[in-house]
Each structure stands twice: as C-alpha cells, then as structure tokens.
PDB file of all heavy atoms in Angstrom:
ATOM      1  N   ALA A   1      -8.105   1.291  -4.995  1.00  0.00           N
ATOM      2  CA  ALA A   1      -6.755   0.830  -5.334  1.00  0.00           C
ATOM      3  C   ALA A   1      -5.714   1.563  -4.492  1.00  0.00           C
ATOM      4  O   ALA A   1      -4.754   0.942  -3.992  1.00  0.00           O
ATOM      5  CB  ALA A   1      -6.486   1.058  -6.827  1.00  0.00           C
ATOM      6  N   ALA A   2      -5.888   2.869  -4.315  1.00  0.00           N
ATOM      7  CA  ALA A   2      -4.950   3.634  -3.494  1.00  0.00           C
ATOM      8  C   ALA A   2      -4.972   3.165  -2.045  1.00  0.00           C
ATOM      9  O   ALA A   2      -3.917   3.066  -1.389  1.00  0.00           O
ATOM     10  CB  ALA A   2      -5.298   5.128  -3.566  1.00  0.00           C
ATOM     11  N   VAL A   3      -6.156   2.851  -1.539  1.00  0.00           N
ATOM     12  CA  VAL A   3      -6.273   2.371  -0.156  1.00  0.00           C
ATOM     13  C   VAL A   3      -5.584   1.015   0.010  1.00  0.00           C
ATOM     14  O   VAL A   3      -4.843   0.794   0.979  1.00  0.00           O
ATOM     15  CB  VAL A   3      -7.766   2.270   0.243  1.00  0.00           C
ATOM     16  CG1 VAL A   3      -7.921   1.530   1.567  1.00  0.00           C
ATOM     17  CG2 VAL A   3      -8.376   3.666   0.347  1.00  0.00           C
ATOM     18  N   VAL A   4      -5.807   0.113  -0.930  1.00  0.00           N
ATOM     19  CA  VAL A   4      -5.206  -1.221  -0.830  1.00  0.00           C
ATOM     20  C   VAL A   4      -3.685  -1.137  -0.883  1.00  0.00           C
ATOM     21  O   VAL A   4      -2.983  -1.765  -0.077  1.00  0.00           O
ATOM     22  CB  VAL A   4      -5.739  -2.143  -1.954  1.00  0.00           C
ATOM     23  CG1 VAL A   4      -4.931  -3.434  -2.026  1.00  0.00           C
ATOM     24  CG2 VAL A   4      -7.209  -2.450  -1.715  1.00  0.00           C
ATOM     25  N   VAL A   5      -3.158  -0.372  -1.826  1.00  0.00           N
ATOM     26  CA  VAL A   5      -1.701  -0.233  -1.938  1.00  0.00           C
ATOM     27  C   VAL A   5      -1.124   0.346  -0.650  1.00  0.00           C
ATOM     28  O   VAL A   5      -0.102  -0.118  -0.130  1.00  0.00           O
ATOM     29  CB  VAL A   5      -1.333   0.655  -3.146  1.00  0.00           C
ATOM     30  CG1 VAL A   5       0.155   1.001  -3.122  1.00  0.00           C
ATOM     31  CG2 VAL A   5      -1.690  -0.043  -4.439  1.00  0.00           C
ATOM     32  N   THR A   6      -1.788   1.355  -0.113  1.00  0.00           N
ATOM     33  CA  THR A   6      -1.288   2.006   1.107  1.00  0.00           C
ATOM     34  C   THR A   6      -1.312   1.061   2.292  1.00  0.00           C
ATOM     35  O   THR A   6      -0.341   0.967   3.053  1.00  0.00           O
ATOM     36  CB  THR A   6      -2.132   3.259   1.431  1.00  0.00           C
ATOM     37  OG1 THR A   6      -2.090   4.145   0.315  1.00  0.00           O
ATOM     38  CG2 THR A   6      -1.580   3.972   2.661  1.00  0.00           C
ATOM     39  N   VAL A   7      -2.406   0.343   2.488  1.00  0.00           N
ATOM     40  CA  VAL A   7      -2.523  -0.522   3.658  1.00  0.00           C
ATOM     41  C   VAL A   7      -1.572  -1.717   3.556  1.00  0.00           C
ATOM     42  O   VAL A   7      -1.137  -2.260   4.579  1.00  0.00           O
ATOM     43  CB  VAL A   7      -3.981  -0.979   3.857  1.00  0.00           C
ATOM     44  CG1 VAL A   7      -4.355  -2.115   2.908  1.00  0.00           C
ATOM     45  CG2 VAL A   7      -4.213  -1.408   5.297  1.00  0.00           C
ATOM     46  N   LEU A   8      -1.246  -2.132   2.342  1.00  0.00           N
ATOM     47  CA  LEU A   8      -0.289  -3.224   2.184  1.00  0.00           C
ATOM     48  C   LEU A   8       1.143  -2.776   2.445  1.00  0.00           C
ATOM     49  O   LEU A   8       1.955  -3.517   3.000  1.00  0.00           O
ATOM     50  CB  LEU A   8      -0.399  -3.820   0.772  1.00  0.00           C
ATOM     51  CG  LEU A   8      -1.697  -4.572   0.458  1.00  0.00           C
ATOM     52  CD1 LEU A   8      -1.692  -5.055  -0.984  1.00  0.00           C
ATOM     53  CD2 LEU A   8      -1.898  -5.747   1.415  1.00  0.00           C
ATOM     54  N   LEU A   9       1.442  -1.539   2.046  1.00  0.00           N
ATOM     55  CA  LEU A   9       2.803  -1.035   2.216  1.00  0.00           C
ATOM     56  C   LEU A   9       3.047  -0.427   3.593  1.00  0.00           C
ATOM     57  O   LEU A   9       4.149  -0.531   4.140  1.00  0.00           O
ATOM     58  CB  LEU A   9       3.107   0.019   1.138  1.00  0.00           C
ATOM     59  CG  LEU A   9       3.127  -0.470  -0.312  1.00  0.00           C
ATOM     60  CD1 LEU A   9       3.387   0.693  -1.255  1.00  0.00           C
ATOM     61  CD2 LEU A   9       4.191  -1.553  -0.499  1.00  0.00           C
ATOM     62  N   HIS A  10       2.008   0.235   4.140  1.00  0.00           N
ATOM     63  CA  HIS A  10       2.186   0.935   5.423  1.00  0.00           C
ATOM     64  C   HIS A  10       0.875   0.847   6.204  1.00  0.00           C
ATOM     65  O   HIS A  10       0.067   1.778   6.190  1.00  0.00           O
ATOM     66  CB  HIS A  10       2.560   2.389   5.167  1.00  0.00           C
ATOM     67  CG  HIS A  10       3.104   3.083   6.369  1.00  0.00           C
ATOM     68  ND1 HIS A  10       2.432   4.084   7.034  1.00  0.00           N
ATOM     69  CD2 HIS A  10       4.274   2.913   7.041  1.00  0.00           C
ATOM     70  CE1 HIS A  10       3.142   4.516   8.054  1.00  0.00           C
ATOM     71  NE2 HIS A  10       4.273   3.823   8.074  1.00  0.00           N
ATOM     72  N   PRO A  11       0.639  -0.254   6.899  1.00  0.00           N
ATOM     73  CA  PRO A  11      -0.646  -0.475   7.583  1.00  0.00           C
ATOM     74  C   PRO A  11      -0.803   0.322   8.872  1.00  0.00           C
ATOM     75  O   PRO A  11      -0.731  -0.204   9.974  1.00  0.00           O
ATOM     76  CB  PRO A  11      -0.627  -1.985   7.858  1.00  0.00           C
ATOM     77  CG  PRO A  11       0.811  -2.330   7.964  1.00  0.00           C
ATOM     78  CD  PRO A  11       1.527  -1.433   7.018  1.00  0.00           C
ATOM     79  N   VAL A  12      -1.009   1.621   8.710  1.00  0.00           N
ATOM     80  CA  VAL A  12      -1.250   2.525   9.834  1.00  0.00           C
ATOM     81  C   VAL A  12      -2.526   3.294   9.542  1.00  0.00           C
ATOM     82  O   VAL A  12      -2.727   3.767   8.416  1.00  0.00           O
ATOM     83  CB  VAL A  12      -0.068   3.497  10.033  1.00  0.00           C
ATOM     84  CG1 VAL A  12      -0.354   4.468  11.170  1.00  0.00           C
ATOM     85  CG2 VAL A  12       1.221   2.730  10.306  1.00  0.00           C
ATOM     86  N   ALA A  13      -3.386   3.435  10.545  1.00  0.00           N
ATOM     87  CA  ALA A  13      -4.710   4.032  10.337  1.00  0.00           C
ATOM     88  C   ALA A  13      -4.627   5.433   9.744  1.00  0.00           C
ATOM     89  O   ALA A  13      -5.351   5.764   8.801  1.00  0.00           O
ATOM     90  CB  ALA A  13      -5.477   4.060  11.657  1.00  0.00           C
ATOM     91  N   THR A  14      -3.755   6.272  10.288  1.00  0.00           N
ATOM     92  CA  THR A  14      -3.677   7.656   9.813  1.00  0.00           C
ATOM     93  C   THR A  14      -3.208   7.728   8.361  1.00  0.00           C
ATOM     94  O   THR A  14      -3.699   8.546   7.580  1.00  0.00           O
ATOM     95  CB  THR A  14      -2.729   8.471  10.702  1.00  0.00           C
ATOM     96  OG1 THR A  14      -1.455   7.795  10.792  1.00  0.00           O
ATOM     97  CG2 THR A  14      -3.297   8.635  12.103  1.00  0.00           C
ATOM     98  N   THR A  15      -2.282   6.850   7.989  1.00  0.00           N
ATOM     99  CA  THR A  15      -1.782   6.844   6.614  1.00  0.00           C
ATOM    100  C   THR A  15      -2.861   6.395   5.637  1.00  0.00           C
ATOM    101  O   THR A  15      -3.032   6.982   4.558  1.00  0.00           O
ATOM    102  CB  THR A  15      -0.561   5.922   6.493  1.00  0.00           C
ATOM    103  OG1 THR A  15       0.406   6.285   7.470  1.00  0.00           O
ATOM    104  CG2 THR A  15       0.069   6.036   5.118  1.00  0.00           C
ATOM    105  N   VAL A  16      -3.588   5.354   6.006  1.00  0.00           N
ATOM    106  CA  VAL A  16      -4.671   4.868   5.144  1.00  0.00           C
ATOM    107  C   VAL A  16      -5.754   5.934   5.013  1.00  0.00           C
ATOM    108  O   VAL A  16      -6.300   6.164   3.927  1.00  0.00           O
ATOM    109  CB  VAL A  16      -5.261   3.567   5.711  1.00  0.00           C
ATOM    110  CG1 VAL A  16      -6.475   3.119   4.894  1.00  0.00           C
ATOM    111  CG2 VAL A  16      -4.203   2.464   5.721  1.00  0.00           C
ATOM    112  N   TRP A  17      -6.065   6.606   6.103  1.00  0.00           N
ATOM    113  CA  TRP A  17      -7.081   7.670   6.093  1.00  0.00           C
ATOM    114  C   TRP A  17      -6.691   8.778   5.129  1.00  0.00           C
ATOM    115  O   TRP A  17      -7.496   9.220   4.302  1.00  0.00           O
ATOM    116  CB  TRP A  17      -7.235   8.214   7.509  1.00  0.00           C
ATOM    117  CG  TRP A  17      -8.206   9.338   7.665  1.00  0.00           C
ATOM    118  CD1 TRP A  17      -9.547   9.276   7.493  1.00  0.00           C
ATOM    119  CD2 TRP A  17      -7.905  10.691   8.046  1.00  0.00           C
ATOM    120  NE1 TRP A  17     -10.118  10.515   7.742  1.00  0.00           N
ATOM    121  CE2 TRP A  17      -9.129  11.392   8.089  1.00  0.00           C
ATOM    122  CE3 TRP A  17      -6.735  11.361   8.373  1.00  0.00           C
ATOM    123  CZ2 TRP A  17      -9.210  12.736   8.431  1.00  0.00           C
ATOM    124  CZ3 TRP A  17      -6.801  12.697   8.710  1.00  0.00           C
ATOM    125  CH2 TRP A  17      -8.025  13.378   8.738  1.00  0.00           C
ATOM    126  N   VAL A  18      -5.440   9.213   5.205  1.00  0.00           N
ATOM    127  CA  VAL A  18      -4.980  10.298   4.332  1.00  0.00           C
ATOM    128  C   VAL A  18      -4.912   9.837   2.883  1.00  0.00           C
ATOM    129  O   VAL A  18      -5.248  10.599   1.969  1.00  0.00           O
ATOM    130  CB  VAL A  18      -3.617  10.834   4.811  1.00  0.00           C
ATOM    131  CG1 VAL A  18      -3.018  11.789   3.788  1.00  0.00           C
ATOM    132  CG2 VAL A  18      -3.768  11.540   6.149  1.00  0.00           C
ATOM    133  N   ALA A  19      -4.494   8.584   2.647  1.00  0.00           N
ATOM    134  CA  ALA A  19      -4.442   8.075   1.275  1.00  0.00           C
ATOM    135  C   ALA A  19      -5.827   8.093   0.641  1.00  0.00           C
ATOM    136  O   ALA A  19      -5.997   8.487  -0.528  1.00  0.00           O
ATOM    137  CB  ALA A  19      -3.873   6.662   1.268  1.00  0.00           C
ATOM    138  N   ARG A  20      -6.825   7.675   1.399  1.00  0.00           N
ATOM    139  CA  ARG A  20      -8.205   7.691   0.883  1.00  0.00           C
ATOM    140  C   ARG A  20      -8.659   9.116   0.601  1.00  0.00           C
ATOM    141  O   ARG A  20      -9.304   9.382  -0.427  1.00  0.00           O
ATOM    142  CB  ARG A  20      -9.139   7.022   1.889  1.00  0.00           C
ATOM    143  CG  ARG A  20     -10.596   7.003   1.458  1.00  0.00           C
ATOM    144  CD  ARG A  20     -11.446   6.323   2.512  1.00  0.00           C
ATOM    145  NE  ARG A  20     -11.200   4.880   2.542  1.00  0.00           N
ATOM    146  CZ  ARG A  20     -11.550   4.087   3.551  1.00  0.00           C
ATOM    147  NH1 ARG A  20     -12.143   4.608   4.624  1.00  0.00           N
ATOM    148  NH2 ARG A  20     -11.317   2.794   3.483  1.00  0.00           N
ATOM    149  N   ILE A  21      -8.326  10.034   1.485  1.00  0.00           N
ATOM    150  CA  ILE A  21      -8.722  11.428   1.309  1.00  0.00           C
ATOM    151  C   ILE A  21      -8.059  12.037   0.083  1.00  0.00           C
ATOM    152  O   ILE A  21      -8.699  12.728  -0.722  1.00  0.00           O
ATOM    153  CB  ILE A  21      -8.362  12.240   2.572  1.00  0.00           C
ATOM    154  CG1 ILE A  21      -9.348  11.911   3.690  1.00  0.00           C
ATOM    155  CG2 ILE A  21      -8.371  13.734   2.285  1.00  0.00           C
ATOM    156  CD1 ILE A  21      -9.002  12.573   4.998  1.00  0.00           C
ATOM    157  N   VAL A  22      -6.754  11.803  -0.077  1.00  0.00           N
ATOM    158  CA  VAL A  22      -6.016  12.379  -1.210  1.00  0.00           C
ATOM    159  C   VAL A  22      -6.569  11.838  -2.527  1.00  0.00           C
ATOM    160  O   VAL A  22      -6.798  12.598  -3.481  1.00  0.00           O
ATOM    161  CB  VAL A  22      -4.511  12.075  -1.088  1.00  0.00           C
ATOM    162  CG1 VAL A  22      -3.782  12.450  -2.379  1.00  0.00           C
ATOM    163  CG2 VAL A  22      -3.912  12.830   0.089  1.00  0.00           C
ATOM    164  N   ALA A  23      -6.795  10.529  -2.595  1.00  0.00           N
ATOM    165  CA  ALA A  23      -7.337   9.944  -3.830  1.00  0.00           C
ATOM    166  C   ALA A  23      -8.730  10.493  -4.129  1.00  0.00           C
ATOM    167  O   ALA A  23      -9.043  10.837  -5.276  1.00  0.00           O
ATOM    168  CB  ALA A  23      -7.372   8.423  -3.705  1.00  0.00           C
ATOM    169  N   THR A  24      -9.558  10.590  -3.101  1.00  0.00           N
ATOM    170  CA  THR A  24     -10.925  11.097  -3.291  1.00  0.00           C
ATOM    171  C   THR A  24     -10.916  12.540  -3.770  1.00  0.00           C
ATOM    172  O   THR A  24     -11.611  12.902  -4.732  1.00  0.00           O
ATOM    173  CB  THR A  24     -11.726  10.987  -1.985  1.00  0.00           C
ATOM    174  OG1 THR A  24     -11.755   9.628  -1.548  1.00  0.00           O
ATOM    175  CG2 THR A  24     -13.147  11.479  -2.185  1.00  0.00           C
ATOM    176  N   GLY A  25     -10.129  13.380  -3.095  1.00  0.00           N
ATOM    177  CA  GLY A  25     -10.075  14.792  -3.470  1.00  0.00           C
ATOM    178  C   GLY A  25      -9.517  15.008  -4.861  1.00  0.00           C
ATOM    179  O   GLY A  25     -10.029  15.839  -5.631  1.00  0.00           O
ATOM    180  N   ALA A  26      -8.477  14.249  -5.223  1.00  0.00           N
ATOM    181  CA  ALA A  26      -7.875  14.411  -6.542  1.00  0.00           C
ATOM    182  C   ALA A  26      -8.819  13.975  -7.652  1.00  0.00           C
ATOM    183  O   ALA A  26      -8.926  14.632  -8.697  1.00  0.00           O
ATOM    184  CB  ALA A  26      -6.571  13.615  -6.614  1.00  0.00           C
ATOM    185  N   LEU A  27      -9.534  12.872  -7.440  1.00  0.00           N
ATOM    186  CA  LEU A  27     -10.412  12.340  -8.481  1.00  0.00           C
ATOM    187  C   LEU A  27     -11.713  13.124  -8.621  1.00  0.00           C
ATOM    188  O   LEU A  27     -12.455  12.926  -9.592  1.00  0.00           O
ATOM    189  CB  LEU A  27     -10.715  10.869  -8.204  1.00  0.00           C
ATOM    190  CG  LEU A  27      -9.521   9.935  -8.437  1.00  0.00           C
ATOM    191  CD1 LEU A  27      -9.802   8.546  -7.880  1.00  0.00           C
ATOM    192  CD2 LEU A  27      -9.182   9.855  -9.923  1.00  0.00           C
ATOM    193  N   MET A  28     -11.996  14.022  -7.680  1.00  0.00           N
ATOM    194  CA  MET A  28     -13.178  14.878  -7.833  1.00  0.00           C
ATOM    195  C   MET A  28     -13.025  15.855  -8.989  1.00  0.00           C
ATOM    196  O   MET A  28     -14.000  16.491  -9.413  1.00  0.00           O
ATOM    197  CB  MET A  28     -13.460  15.641  -6.536  1.00  0.00           C
ATOM    198  CG  MET A  28     -13.996  14.770  -5.420  1.00  0.00           C
ATOM    199  SD  MET A  28     -14.576  15.718  -4.001  1.00  0.00           S
ATOM    200  CE  MET A  28     -16.119  16.368  -4.637  1.00  0.00           C
ATOM    201  N   VAL A  29     -11.813  15.969  -9.509  1.00  0.00           N
ATOM    202  CA  VAL A  29     -11.585  16.844 -10.661  1.00  0.00           C
ATOM    203  C   VAL A  29     -12.285  16.293 -11.908  1.00  0.00           C
ATOM    204  O   VAL A  29     -12.694  17.063 -12.787  1.00  0.00           O
ATOM    205  CB  VAL A  29     -10.064  16.985 -10.914  1.00  0.00           C
ATOM    206  CG1 VAL A  29      -9.788  17.746 -12.199  1.00  0.00           C
ATOM    207  CG2 VAL A  29      -9.404  17.697  -9.741  1.00  0.00           C
ATOM    208  N   LEU A  30     -12.431  14.963 -11.986  1.00  0.00           N
ATOM    209  CA  LEU A  30     -12.978  14.348 -13.207  1.00  0.00           C
ATOM    210  C   LEU A  30     -14.372  14.867 -13.568  1.00  0.00           C
ATOM    211  O   LEU A  30     -14.576  15.340 -14.695  1.00  0.00           O
ATOM    212  CB  LEU A  30     -12.991  12.823 -13.054  1.00  0.00           C
ATOM    213  CG  LEU A  30     -11.624  12.138 -12.948  1.00  0.00           C
ATOM    214  CD1 LEU A  30     -11.799  10.635 -12.798  1.00  0.00           C
ATOM    215  CD2 LEU A  30     -10.771  12.461 -14.160  1.00  0.00           C
ATOM    216  N   PRO A  31     -15.371  14.785 -12.678  1.00  0.00           N
ATOM    217  CA  PRO A  31     -16.681  15.321 -13.054  1.00  0.00           C
ATOM    218  C   PRO A  31     -16.671  16.832 -13.243  1.00  0.00           C
ATOM    219  O   PRO A  31     -17.467  17.367 -14.034  1.00  0.00           O
ATOM    220  CB  PRO A  31     -17.598  14.904 -11.891  1.00  0.00           C
ATOM    221  CG  PRO A  31     -16.685  14.626 -10.756  1.00  0.00           C
ATOM    222  CD  PRO A  31     -15.413  14.135 -11.360  1.00  0.00           C
ATOM    223  N   PHE A  32     -15.785  17.521 -12.547  1.00  0.00           N
ATOM    224  CA  PHE A  32     -15.700  18.974 -12.709  1.00  0.00           C
ATOM    225  C   PHE A  32     -15.235  19.316 -14.118  1.00  0.00           C
ATOM    226  O   PHE A  32     -15.777  20.215 -14.767  1.00  0.00           O
ATOM    227  CB  PHE A  32     -14.746  19.564 -11.665  1.00  0.00           C
ATOM    228  CG  PHE A  32     -14.792  21.060 -11.581  1.00  0.00           C
ATOM    229  CD1 PHE A  32     -15.750  21.691 -10.802  1.00  0.00           C
ATOM    230  CD2 PHE A  32     -13.886  21.840 -12.273  1.00  0.00           C
ATOM    231  CE1 PHE A  32     -15.801  23.084 -10.724  1.00  0.00           C
ATOM    232  CE2 PHE A  32     -13.924  23.222 -12.202  1.00  0.00           C
ATOM    233  CZ  PHE A  32     -14.888  23.842 -11.425  1.00  0.00           C
ATOM    234  N   VAL A  33     -14.230  18.602 -14.606  1.00  0.00           N
ATOM    235  CA  VAL A  33     -13.725  18.838 -15.963  1.00  0.00           C
ATOM    236  C   VAL A  33     -14.776  18.466 -17.008  1.00  0.00           C
ATOM    237  O   VAL A  33     -14.826  19.046 -18.100  1.00  0.00           O
ATOM    238  CB  VAL A  33     -12.422  18.046 -16.190  1.00  0.00           C
ATOM    239  CG1 VAL A  33     -11.977  18.115 -17.641  1.00  0.00           C
ATOM    240  CG2 VAL A  33     -11.320  18.585 -15.286  1.00  0.00           C
ATOM    241  N   ALA A  34     -15.639  17.489 -16.673  1.00  0.00           N
ATOM    242  CA  ALA A  34     -16.673  17.049 -17.620  1.00  0.00           C
ATOM    243  C   ALA A  34     -17.814  18.042 -17.773  1.00  0.00           C
ATOM    244  O   ALA A  34     -18.661  17.873 -18.655  1.00  0.00           O
ATOM    245  CB  ALA A  34     -17.232  15.696 -17.173  1.00  0.00           C
ATOM    246  N   LEU A  35     -17.856  19.078 -16.944  1.00  0.00           N
ATOM    247  CA  LEU A  35     -18.939  20.069 -17.032  1.00  0.00           C
ATOM    248  C   LEU A  35     -18.833  20.881 -18.320  1.00  0.00           C
ATOM    249  O   LEU A  35     -17.732  21.136 -18.818  1.00  0.00           O
ATOM    250  CB  LEU A  35     -18.859  21.036 -15.847  1.00  0.00           C
ATOM    251  CG  LEU A  35     -19.271  20.529 -14.475  1.00  0.00           C
ATOM    252  CD1 LEU A  35     -19.001  21.597 -13.433  1.00  0.00           C
ATOM    253  CD2 LEU A  35     -20.737  20.128 -14.451  1.00  0.00           C
ATOM    254  N   PRO A  36     -19.967  21.320 -18.851  1.00  0.00           N
ATOM    255  CA  PRO A  36     -19.923  22.278 -19.958  1.00  0.00           C
ATOM    256  C   PRO A  36     -19.238  23.564 -19.503  1.00  0.00           C
ATOM    257  O   PRO A  36     -19.305  23.940 -18.326  1.00  0.00           O
ATOM    258  CB  PRO A  36     -21.401  22.527 -20.284  1.00  0.00           C
ATOM    259  CG  PRO A  36     -22.140  21.401 -19.656  1.00  0.00           C
ATOM    260  CD  PRO A  36     -21.351  20.957 -18.480  1.00  0.00           C
ATOM    261  N   ASP A  37     -18.605  24.231 -20.434  1.00  0.00           N
ATOM    262  CA  ASP A  37     -17.839  25.436 -20.100  1.00  0.00           C
ATOM    263  C   ASP A  37     -18.715  26.502 -19.457  1.00  0.00           C
ATOM    264  O   ASP A  37     -18.282  27.217 -18.558  1.00  0.00           O
ATOM    265  CB  ASP A  37     -17.174  25.980 -21.361  1.00  0.00           C
ATOM    266  CG  ASP A  37     -16.194  27.096 -21.053  1.00  0.00           C
ATOM    267  OD1 ASP A  37     -15.295  26.876 -20.217  1.00  0.00           O
ATOM    268  OD2 ASP A  37     -16.350  28.199 -21.613  1.00  0.00           O
ATOM    269  N   ARG A  38     -19.986  26.597 -19.869  1.00  0.00           N
ATOM    270  CA  ARG A  38     -20.874  27.637 -19.328  1.00  0.00           C
ATOM    271  C   ARG A  38     -21.181  27.405 -17.850  1.00  0.00           C
ATOM    272  O   ARG A  38     -21.584  28.333 -17.141  1.00  0.00           O
ATOM    273  CB  ARG A  38     -22.173  27.702 -20.134  1.00  0.00           C
ATOM    274  CG  ARG A  38     -22.952  26.418 -20.127  1.00  0.00           C
ATOM    275  CD  ARG A  38     -24.162  26.474 -21.048  1.00  0.00           C
ATOM    276  NE  ARG A  38     -24.803  25.186 -21.187  1.00  0.00           N
ATOM    277  CZ  ARG A  38     -25.637  24.677 -20.293  1.00  0.00           C
ATOM    278  NH1 ARG A  38     -25.937  25.357 -19.196  1.00  0.00           N
ATOM    279  NH2 ARG A  38     -26.179  23.497 -20.493  1.00  0.00           N
ATOM    280  N   LEU A  39     -21.037  26.157 -17.356  1.00  0.00           N
ATOM    281  CA  LEU A  39     -21.236  25.876 -15.935  1.00  0.00           C
ATOM    282  C   LEU A  39     -19.916  25.859 -15.173  1.00  0.00           C
ATOM    283  O   LEU A  39     -19.881  26.196 -13.991  1.00  0.00           O
ATOM    284  CB  LEU A  39     -21.940  24.525 -15.763  1.00  0.00           C
ATOM    285  CG  LEU A  39     -23.346  24.400 -16.352  1.00  0.00           C
ATOM    286  CD1 LEU A  39     -23.906  23.008 -16.091  1.00  0.00           C
ATOM    287  CD2 LEU A  39     -24.266  25.454 -15.743  1.00  0.00           C
ATOM    288  N   ARG A  40     -18.858  25.444 -15.847  1.00  0.00           N
ATOM    289  CA  ARG A  40     -17.561  25.374 -15.173  1.00  0.00           C
ATOM    290  C   ARG A  40     -17.006  26.767 -14.882  1.00  0.00           C
ATOM    291  O   ARG A  40     -16.375  26.981 -13.850  1.00  0.00           O
ATOM    292  CB  ARG A  40     -16.573  24.561 -16.019  1.00  0.00           C
ATOM    293  CG  ARG A  40     -15.271  24.255 -15.297  1.00  0.00           C
ATOM    294  CD  ARG A  40     -14.436  23.226 -16.041  1.00  0.00           C
ATOM    295  NE  ARG A  40     -14.141  23.647 -17.398  1.00  0.00           N
ATOM    296  CZ  ARG A  40     -14.651  23.069 -18.482  1.00  0.00           C
ATOM    297  NH1 ARG A  40     -15.483  22.050 -18.357  1.00  0.00           N
ATOM    298  NH2 ARG A  40     -14.338  23.512 -19.696  1.00  0.00           N
ATOM    299  N   ARG A  41     -17.252  27.718 -15.779  1.00  0.00           N
ATOM    300  CA  ARG A  41     -16.718  29.070 -15.580  1.00  0.00           C
ATOM    301  C   ARG A  41     -17.214  29.702 -14.280  1.00  0.00           C
ATOM    302  O   ARG A  41     -16.401  30.166 -13.477  1.00  0.00           O
ATOM    303  CB  ARG A  41     -17.057  29.968 -16.776  1.00  0.00           C
ATOM    304  CG  ARG A  41     -16.149  29.793 -17.962  1.00  0.00           C
ATOM    305  CD  ARG A  41     -16.211  31.009 -18.885  1.00  0.00           C
ATOM    306  NE  ARG A  41     -17.596  31.377 -19.177  1.00  0.00           N
ATOM    307  CZ  ARG A  41     -18.287  30.908 -20.197  1.00  0.00           C
ATOM    308  NH1 ARG A  41     -17.745  30.043 -21.019  1.00  0.00           N
ATOM    309  NH2 ARG A  41     -19.521  31.302 -20.407  1.00  0.00           N
ATOM    310  N   PRO A  42     -18.530  29.770 -14.024  1.00  0.00           N
ATOM    311  CA  PRO A  42     -18.969  30.371 -12.749  1.00  0.00           C
ATOM    312  C   PRO A  42     -18.541  29.553 -11.536  1.00  0.00           C
ATOM    313  O   PRO A  42     -18.344  30.104 -10.457  1.00  0.00           O
ATOM    314  CB  PRO A  42     -20.495  30.412 -12.875  1.00  0.00           C
ATOM    315  CG  PRO A  42     -20.840  29.441 -13.939  1.00  0.00           C
ATOM    316  CD  PRO A  42     -19.684  29.449 -14.882  1.00  0.00           C
ATOM    317  N   ALA A  43     -18.376  28.229 -11.701  1.00  0.00           N
ATOM    318  CA  ALA A  43     -17.916  27.407 -10.580  1.00  0.00           C
ATOM    319  C   ALA A  43     -16.472  27.719 -10.214  1.00  0.00           C
ATOM    320  O   ALA A  43     -16.044  27.479  -9.073  1.00  0.00           O
ATOM    321  CB  ALA A  43     -18.059  25.922 -10.922  1.00  0.00           C
TER     322      ALA A  43
END
C-alpha cells in the first residue's frame, strides 16, 4: 500500500525505493513485539 501510494503521488525510482524500505523497516517491529518477554529482553 505504501509503494502504490508513493508511486501514484511521486513516480520516481529513488522515492519508491525509500518508501518500500521505510515501510518494511517500520513493520518489522510487529513480530518483534509479538515475542515472549524472555526472548525480547536479550534481543
């Protein structure tokens, strides 16, 4: 969804690349938060 919105509003390769990276990096928090506390603490 982030990629589609970005490419429709600003169709430039570098912008789309960064939008995909930012969305991917931000959403990696979800499985990390889902970890049990005993595994998340040492991580």
